[in-house]
């Protein structure tokens, strides 16, 4: 879900797309690398430059660290949409990334269809200082 949106957001620019996967289990790294290579190949026609990297450690921490490492201007990621009880028990990587990120984060929910092209963006604004323009 997140990858098609990221490709659409990069359309018409000199894009650089970095696909990262975070594994906590060292035994899963080889399979994760294969998966990222396959995914990059499948989307090569959508974006000129795709880099891949398997990171090891805590998913939210590694994703936030990758912002500086790759000079990312934004993050687009999928959520598992576990619901309140699931998030309470398991936590939410997306919630943690949104809270800690220094760049905009787009969160795509399961079932989201491809957006092509983006013609408008909704910007909710309230009285909080953080949302003022």
N, C-alpha and C. Protein backbone atom coordinates (compact mmCIF):
# COMPACT_ATOMS: atom_id res chain seq x y z
N UNK A 1 0.80 -1.19 0.00
CA UNK A 1 0.00 0.00 0.00
C UNK A 1 0.85 1.27 0.00
N UNK A 2 1.90 1.30 0.81
CA UNK A 2 2.70 2.52 0.94
C UNK A 2 3.58 2.76 -0.28
N UNK A 3 4.09 1.72 -0.90
CA UNK A 3 5.01 1.89 -2.02
C UNK A 3 4.36 2.57 -3.22
N UNK A 4 3.15 2.18 -3.65
CA UNK A 4 2.53 2.90 -4.76
C UNK A 4 2.33 4.39 -4.47
N UNK A 5 1.94 4.73 -3.24
CA UNK A 5 1.77 6.13 -2.88
C UNK A 5 3.10 6.87 -2.94
N UNK A 6 4.15 6.26 -2.42
CA UNK A 6 5.48 6.89 -2.48
C UNK A 6 5.90 7.13 -3.92
N UNK A 7 5.65 6.19 -4.80
CA UNK A 7 6.00 6.36 -6.21
C UNK A 7 5.22 7.51 -6.83
N UNK A 8 3.92 7.63 -6.49
CA UNK A 8 3.11 8.73 -7.01
C UNK A 8 3.61 10.07 -6.51
N UNK A 9 3.99 10.14 -5.25
CA UNK A 9 4.49 11.39 -4.68
C UNK A 9 5.79 11.83 -5.35
N UNK A 10 6.58 10.89 -5.82
CA UNK A 10 7.86 11.20 -6.46
C UNK A 10 7.74 11.48 -7.95
N UNK A 11 6.59 11.22 -8.53
CA UNK A 11 6.42 11.39 -9.97
C UNK A 11 6.76 12.80 -10.40
N UNK A 12 7.51 12.92 -11.47
CA UNK A 12 7.86 14.23 -12.03
C UNK A 12 9.05 14.89 -11.38
N UNK A 13 9.71 14.21 -10.47
CA UNK A 13 10.90 14.79 -9.84
C UNK A 13 12.09 13.89 -10.12
N UNK A 14 13.24 14.28 -9.64
CA UNK A 14 14.41 13.41 -9.71
C UNK A 14 14.36 12.53 -8.47
N UNK A 15 13.62 11.46 -8.54
CA UNK A 15 13.30 10.71 -7.34
C UNK A 15 14.43 9.81 -6.83
N UNK A 16 14.42 9.65 -5.56
CA UNK A 16 15.25 8.65 -4.91
C UNK A 16 14.35 7.97 -3.90
N UNK A 17 14.11 6.72 -4.10
CA UNK A 17 13.27 5.94 -3.22
C UNK A 17 14.16 4.96 -2.48
N UNK A 18 14.05 4.94 -1.16
CA UNK A 18 14.84 4.02 -0.35
C UNK A 18 13.86 3.07 0.33
N UNK A 19 13.95 1.80 -0.02
CA UNK A 19 13.13 0.79 0.63
C UNK A 19 13.92 0.20 1.78
N UNK A 20 13.38 0.28 2.97
CA UNK A 20 14.06 -0.31 4.12
C UNK A 20 13.14 -1.34 4.76
N UNK A 21 13.77 -2.33 5.30
CA UNK A 21 13.07 -3.34 6.09
C UNK A 21 13.89 -3.54 7.34
N UNK A 22 13.22 -3.58 8.47
CA UNK A 22 13.93 -3.73 9.74
C UNK A 22 13.65 -5.12 10.28
N UNK A 23 14.71 -5.83 10.58
CA UNK A 23 14.60 -7.17 11.14
C UNK A 23 15.26 -7.20 12.50
N UNK A 24 14.57 -7.75 13.47
CA UNK A 24 15.16 -7.91 14.80
C UNK A 24 15.90 -9.24 14.90
N UNK A 25 15.54 -10.19 14.04
CA UNK A 25 16.16 -11.52 14.03
C UNK A 25 17.23 -11.58 12.94
N UNK A 26 18.50 -11.76 13.33
CA UNK A 26 19.59 -11.82 12.33
C UNK A 26 19.38 -12.92 11.30
N UNK A 27 18.69 -13.99 11.65
CA UNK A 27 18.46 -15.09 10.72
C UNK A 27 17.52 -14.69 9.58
N UNK A 28 16.78 -13.62 9.74
CA UNK A 28 15.81 -13.19 8.72
C UNK A 28 16.38 -12.22 7.71
N UNK A 29 17.62 -11.79 7.87
CA UNK A 29 18.21 -10.76 7.02
C UNK A 29 18.31 -11.18 5.56
N UNK A 30 18.76 -12.39 5.29
CA UNK A 30 18.93 -12.84 3.90
C UNK A 30 17.60 -12.84 3.16
N UNK A 31 16.56 -13.35 3.77
CA UNK A 31 15.24 -13.36 3.15
C UNK A 31 14.72 -11.93 2.96
N UNK A 32 14.97 -11.06 3.91
CA UNK A 32 14.54 -9.67 3.81
C UNK A 32 15.25 -8.97 2.65
N UNK A 33 16.53 -9.24 2.46
CA UNK A 33 17.28 -8.65 1.34
C UNK A 33 16.70 -9.10 0.01
N UNK A 34 16.38 -10.40 -0.09
CA UNK A 34 15.79 -10.94 -1.33
C UNK A 34 14.44 -10.28 -1.60
N UNK A 35 13.63 -10.14 -0.57
CA UNK A 35 12.32 -9.52 -0.71
C UNK A 35 12.45 -8.07 -1.20
N UNK A 36 13.37 -7.31 -0.63
CA UNK A 36 13.55 -5.92 -1.05
C UNK A 36 14.04 -5.83 -2.49
N UNK A 37 14.98 -6.70 -2.88
CA UNK A 37 15.46 -6.69 -4.27
C UNK A 37 14.32 -6.97 -5.25
N UNK A 38 13.51 -7.97 -4.92
CA UNK A 38 12.36 -8.31 -5.78
C UNK A 38 11.38 -7.15 -5.86
N UNK A 39 11.08 -6.55 -4.75
CA UNK A 39 10.15 -5.42 -4.71
C UNK A 39 10.69 -4.23 -5.51
N UNK A 40 11.98 -3.95 -5.37
CA UNK A 40 12.59 -2.85 -6.13
C UNK A 40 12.51 -3.12 -7.63
N UNK A 41 12.75 -4.35 -8.04
CA UNK A 41 12.68 -4.71 -9.45
C UNK A 41 11.27 -4.53 -9.99
N UNK A 42 10.27 -4.92 -9.21
CA UNK A 42 8.87 -4.80 -9.63
C UNK A 42 8.45 -3.34 -9.83
N UNK A 43 9.08 -2.41 -9.12
CA UNK A 43 8.70 -1.00 -9.19
C UNK A 43 9.73 -0.13 -9.91
N UNK A 44 10.68 -0.75 -10.56
CA UNK A 44 11.76 0.00 -11.22
C UNK A 44 11.24 0.93 -12.31
N UNK A 45 10.14 0.58 -12.96
CA UNK A 45 9.62 1.44 -14.03
C UNK A 45 8.91 2.68 -13.48
N UNK A 46 8.53 2.65 -12.20
CA UNK A 46 7.82 3.77 -11.59
C UNK A 46 8.74 4.86 -11.08
N UNK A 47 9.94 4.47 -10.66
CA UNK A 47 10.88 5.40 -10.04
C UNK A 47 12.27 5.10 -10.60
N UNK A 48 12.99 6.17 -10.94
CA UNK A 48 14.31 6.00 -11.55
C UNK A 48 15.34 5.39 -10.61
N UNK A 49 15.37 5.81 -9.37
CA UNK A 49 16.39 5.33 -8.45
C UNK A 49 15.81 4.69 -7.22
N UNK A 50 16.04 3.40 -7.05
CA UNK A 50 15.57 2.70 -5.86
C UNK A 50 16.75 2.05 -5.17
N UNK A 51 16.96 2.42 -3.91
CA UNK A 51 17.96 1.78 -3.08
C UNK A 51 17.24 0.87 -2.09
N UNK A 52 17.92 -0.17 -1.64
CA UNK A 52 17.34 -1.05 -0.64
C UNK A 52 18.33 -1.25 0.50
N UNK A 53 17.78 -1.44 1.69
CA UNK A 53 18.64 -1.66 2.86
C UNK A 53 17.87 -2.41 3.94
N UNK A 54 18.47 -3.48 4.44
CA UNK A 54 17.91 -4.17 5.58
C UNK A 54 18.63 -3.63 6.81
N UNK A 55 17.85 -3.17 7.76
CA UNK A 55 18.39 -2.64 9.01
C UNK A 55 18.08 -3.63 10.12
N UNK A 56 18.92 -3.64 11.14
CA UNK A 56 18.71 -4.56 12.25
C UNK A 56 18.47 -3.77 13.53
N UNK A 57 17.48 -4.22 14.30
CA UNK A 57 17.19 -3.58 15.57
C UNK A 57 15.72 -3.31 15.74
N UNK A 58 15.43 -2.34 16.58
CA UNK A 58 14.05 -1.94 16.85
C UNK A 58 13.49 -1.22 15.62
N UNK A 59 12.35 -1.65 15.07
CA UNK A 59 11.83 -1.05 13.84
C UNK A 59 11.68 0.47 13.89
N UNK A 60 11.00 1.00 14.89
CA UNK A 60 10.77 2.45 14.93
C UNK A 60 12.09 3.21 15.05
N UNK A 61 12.97 2.76 15.92
CA UNK A 61 14.26 3.43 16.10
C UNK A 61 15.07 3.43 14.81
N UNK A 62 15.11 2.30 14.12
CA UNK A 62 15.90 2.20 12.90
C UNK A 62 15.31 3.03 11.76
N UNK A 63 13.99 3.08 11.68
CA UNK A 63 13.36 3.90 10.64
C UNK A 63 13.66 5.38 10.88
N UNK A 64 13.57 5.82 12.11
CA UNK A 64 13.87 7.23 12.43
C UNK A 64 15.35 7.53 12.18
N UNK A 65 16.24 6.62 12.52
CA UNK A 65 17.67 6.82 12.23
C UNK A 65 17.95 6.90 10.74
N UNK A 66 17.18 6.15 9.96
CA UNK A 66 17.38 6.12 8.51
C UNK A 66 17.07 7.46 7.86
N UNK A 67 16.28 8.31 8.50
CA UNK A 67 15.98 9.63 7.95
C UNK A 67 17.28 10.38 7.67
N UNK A 68 18.15 10.48 8.67
CA UNK A 68 19.41 11.19 8.51
C UNK A 68 20.37 10.43 7.61
N UNK A 69 20.41 9.13 7.78
CA UNK A 69 21.34 8.30 7.01
C UNK A 69 21.12 8.46 5.50
N UNK A 70 19.86 8.51 5.08
CA UNK A 70 19.55 8.58 3.65
C UNK A 70 19.12 9.97 3.20
N UNK A 71 19.07 10.93 4.12
CA UNK A 71 18.63 12.27 3.76
C UNK A 71 17.19 12.30 3.28
N UNK A 72 16.36 11.50 3.91
CA UNK A 72 14.95 11.40 3.49
C UNK A 72 14.20 12.70 3.77
N UNK A 73 13.38 13.10 2.82
CA UNK A 73 12.53 14.29 2.97
C UNK A 73 11.17 13.94 3.56
N UNK A 74 10.80 12.66 3.50
CA UNK A 74 9.51 12.21 4.02
C UNK A 74 9.56 10.70 4.17
N UNK A 75 8.60 10.19 4.91
CA UNK A 75 8.44 8.74 5.08
C UNK A 75 7.02 8.40 4.68
N UNK A 76 6.85 7.34 3.93
CA UNK A 76 5.53 6.79 3.65
C UNK A 76 5.59 5.34 4.10
N UNK A 77 4.69 4.98 5.00
CA UNK A 77 4.72 3.62 5.53
C UNK A 77 3.31 3.09 5.73
N UNK A 78 3.19 1.79 5.71
CA UNK A 78 1.91 1.14 5.96
C UNK A 78 1.75 0.87 7.45
N UNK A 79 0.51 0.77 7.86
CA UNK A 79 0.21 0.37 9.23
C UNK A 79 -0.53 -0.95 9.18
N UNK A 80 -0.42 -1.72 10.23
CA UNK A 80 -1.13 -3.00 10.29
C UNK A 80 -2.58 -2.83 10.72
N UNK A 81 -2.92 -1.65 11.23
CA UNK A 81 -4.29 -1.33 11.67
C UNK A 81 -4.81 -2.38 12.64
N UNK A 82 -4.06 -2.61 13.69
CA UNK A 82 -4.42 -3.63 14.67
C UNK A 82 -5.62 -3.24 15.54
N UNK A 83 -5.91 -1.98 15.62
CA UNK A 83 -6.97 -1.53 16.52
C UNK A 83 -6.38 -1.14 17.87
N UNK A 84 -7.22 -0.58 18.71
CA UNK A 84 -6.74 -0.05 19.99
C UNK A 84 -6.12 -1.11 20.89
N UNK A 85 -6.76 -2.26 21.01
CA UNK A 85 -6.25 -3.31 21.89
C UNK A 85 -4.92 -3.84 21.36
N UNK A 86 -4.83 -4.08 20.07
CA UNK A 86 -3.58 -4.56 19.49
C UNK A 86 -2.44 -3.58 19.67
N UNK A 87 -2.73 -2.28 19.47
CA UNK A 87 -1.69 -1.26 19.67
C UNK A 87 -1.27 -1.19 21.12
N UNK A 88 -2.23 -1.34 22.01
CA UNK A 88 -1.93 -1.27 23.44
C UNK A 88 -1.01 -2.42 23.84
N UNK A 89 -1.28 -3.60 23.33
CA UNK A 89 -0.49 -4.78 23.69
C UNK A 89 0.83 -4.82 22.92
N UNK A 90 0.78 -4.61 21.62
CA UNK A 90 1.96 -4.78 20.77
C UNK A 90 2.68 -3.47 20.45
N UNK A 91 2.01 -2.34 20.66
CA UNK A 91 2.58 -1.06 20.26
C UNK A 91 2.38 -0.86 18.78
N UNK A 92 2.70 0.31 18.30
CA UNK A 92 2.55 0.61 16.89
C UNK A 92 3.82 1.28 16.39
N UNK A 93 4.47 0.62 15.46
CA UNK A 93 5.68 1.20 14.87
C UNK A 93 5.33 2.53 14.20
N UNK A 94 4.20 2.58 13.50
CA UNK A 94 3.81 3.82 12.83
C UNK A 94 3.61 4.95 13.83
N UNK A 95 2.95 4.66 14.95
CA UNK A 95 2.76 5.69 15.98
C UNK A 95 4.10 6.21 16.49
N UNK A 96 5.02 5.29 16.75
CA UNK A 96 6.34 5.68 17.26
C UNK A 96 7.11 6.51 16.24
N UNK A 97 7.03 6.12 14.97
CA UNK A 97 7.74 6.86 13.92
C UNK A 97 7.15 8.26 13.77
N UNK A 98 5.83 8.37 13.75
CA UNK A 98 5.18 9.69 13.64
C UNK A 98 5.63 10.58 14.79
N UNK A 99 5.68 10.04 16.00
CA UNK A 99 6.04 10.83 17.18
C UNK A 99 7.51 11.27 17.16
N UNK A 100 8.39 10.46 16.61
CA UNK A 100 9.83 10.74 16.69
C UNK A 100 10.43 11.32 15.42
N UNK A 101 9.70 11.31 14.33
CA UNK A 101 10.25 11.73 13.04
C UNK A 101 10.48 13.24 12.95
N UNK A 102 11.56 13.59 12.26
CA UNK A 102 11.85 15.00 11.99
C UNK A 102 11.35 15.43 10.61
N UNK A 103 10.74 14.50 9.87
CA UNK A 103 10.21 14.78 8.54
C UNK A 103 8.74 14.34 8.49
N UNK A 104 7.97 14.82 7.52
CA UNK A 104 6.58 14.39 7.40
C UNK A 104 6.47 12.87 7.22
N UNK A 105 5.43 12.30 7.82
CA UNK A 105 5.18 10.85 7.73
C UNK A 105 3.77 10.64 7.19
N UNK A 106 3.69 9.92 6.09
CA UNK A 106 2.39 9.51 5.54
C UNK A 106 2.13 8.08 5.95
N UNK A 107 0.98 7.83 6.55
CA UNK A 107 0.64 6.48 7.00
C UNK A 107 -0.50 5.97 6.14
N UNK A 108 -0.30 4.83 5.52
CA UNK A 108 -1.28 4.23 4.62
C UNK A 108 -1.90 3.04 5.33
N UNK A 109 -3.22 3.01 5.35
CA UNK A 109 -3.94 1.93 6.02
C UNK A 109 -4.24 0.79 5.05
N UNK A 110 -4.37 -0.43 5.57
CA UNK A 110 -4.72 -1.57 4.70
C UNK A 110 -6.00 -1.27 3.94
N UNK A 111 -6.04 -1.66 2.70
CA UNK A 111 -7.23 -1.44 1.89
C UNK A 111 -7.21 -0.13 1.13
N UNK A 112 -6.20 0.72 1.37
CA UNK A 112 -6.09 1.97 0.63
C UNK A 112 -5.79 1.65 -0.82
N UNK A 113 -6.49 2.32 -1.72
CA UNK A 113 -6.24 2.10 -3.14
C UNK A 113 -5.20 3.09 -3.62
N UNK A 114 -4.63 2.80 -4.75
CA UNK A 114 -3.60 3.66 -5.33
C UNK A 114 -4.16 5.05 -5.61
N UNK A 115 -3.38 6.04 -5.29
CA UNK A 115 -3.77 7.43 -5.51
C UNK A 115 -2.98 7.95 -6.69
N UNK A 116 -3.66 8.30 -7.77
CA UNK A 116 -2.94 8.74 -8.95
C UNK A 116 -3.77 9.72 -9.75
N UNK A 117 -3.28 10.86 -10.06
CA UNK A 117 -2.25 11.61 -9.35
C UNK A 117 -2.87 12.32 -8.14
N UNK A 118 -2.04 12.81 -7.26
CA UNK A 118 -2.54 13.55 -6.11
C UNK A 118 -2.91 14.95 -6.58
N UNK A 119 -4.17 15.30 -6.42
CA UNK A 119 -4.66 16.61 -6.87
C UNK A 119 -4.96 17.54 -5.71
N UNK A 120 -5.15 16.98 -4.53
CA UNK A 120 -5.40 17.82 -3.36
C UNK A 120 -4.90 17.11 -2.11
N UNK A 121 -4.56 17.91 -1.12
CA UNK A 121 -4.07 17.37 0.14
C UNK A 121 -4.86 18.05 1.26
N UNK A 122 -5.38 17.26 2.18
CA UNK A 122 -6.12 17.76 3.33
C UNK A 122 -5.14 18.07 4.45
N UNK A 123 -5.24 19.25 5.03
CA UNK A 123 -4.35 19.67 6.11
C UNK A 123 -5.21 20.09 7.30
N UNK A 124 -5.47 19.18 8.24
CA UNK A 124 -6.25 19.56 9.42
C UNK A 124 -5.46 20.53 10.29
N UNK A 125 -6.09 21.62 10.71
CA UNK A 125 -5.43 22.62 11.55
C UNK A 125 -6.34 22.92 12.73
N UNK A 126 -5.76 22.95 13.94
CA UNK A 126 -6.53 23.34 15.11
C UNK A 126 -5.82 24.51 15.78
N UNK A 127 -6.18 24.81 16.99
CA UNK A 127 -5.59 25.95 17.69
C UNK A 127 -4.24 25.67 18.33
N UNK A 128 -3.79 24.42 18.25
CA UNK A 128 -2.50 24.07 18.86
C UNK A 128 -1.38 24.75 18.12
N UNK A 129 -0.39 25.18 18.84
CA UNK A 129 0.76 25.86 18.25
C UNK A 129 1.42 25.01 17.18
N UNK A 130 1.50 23.72 17.38
CA UNK A 130 2.18 22.83 16.44
C UNK A 130 1.50 22.76 15.08
N UNK A 131 0.20 23.05 15.00
CA UNK A 131 -0.49 22.95 13.71
C UNK A 131 -0.64 24.29 13.00
N UNK A 132 -0.20 25.36 13.61
CA UNK A 132 -0.31 26.68 12.98
C UNK A 132 0.70 26.82 11.84
N UNK A 133 0.29 27.53 10.85
CA UNK A 133 1.17 27.76 9.69
C UNK A 133 1.80 29.12 9.80
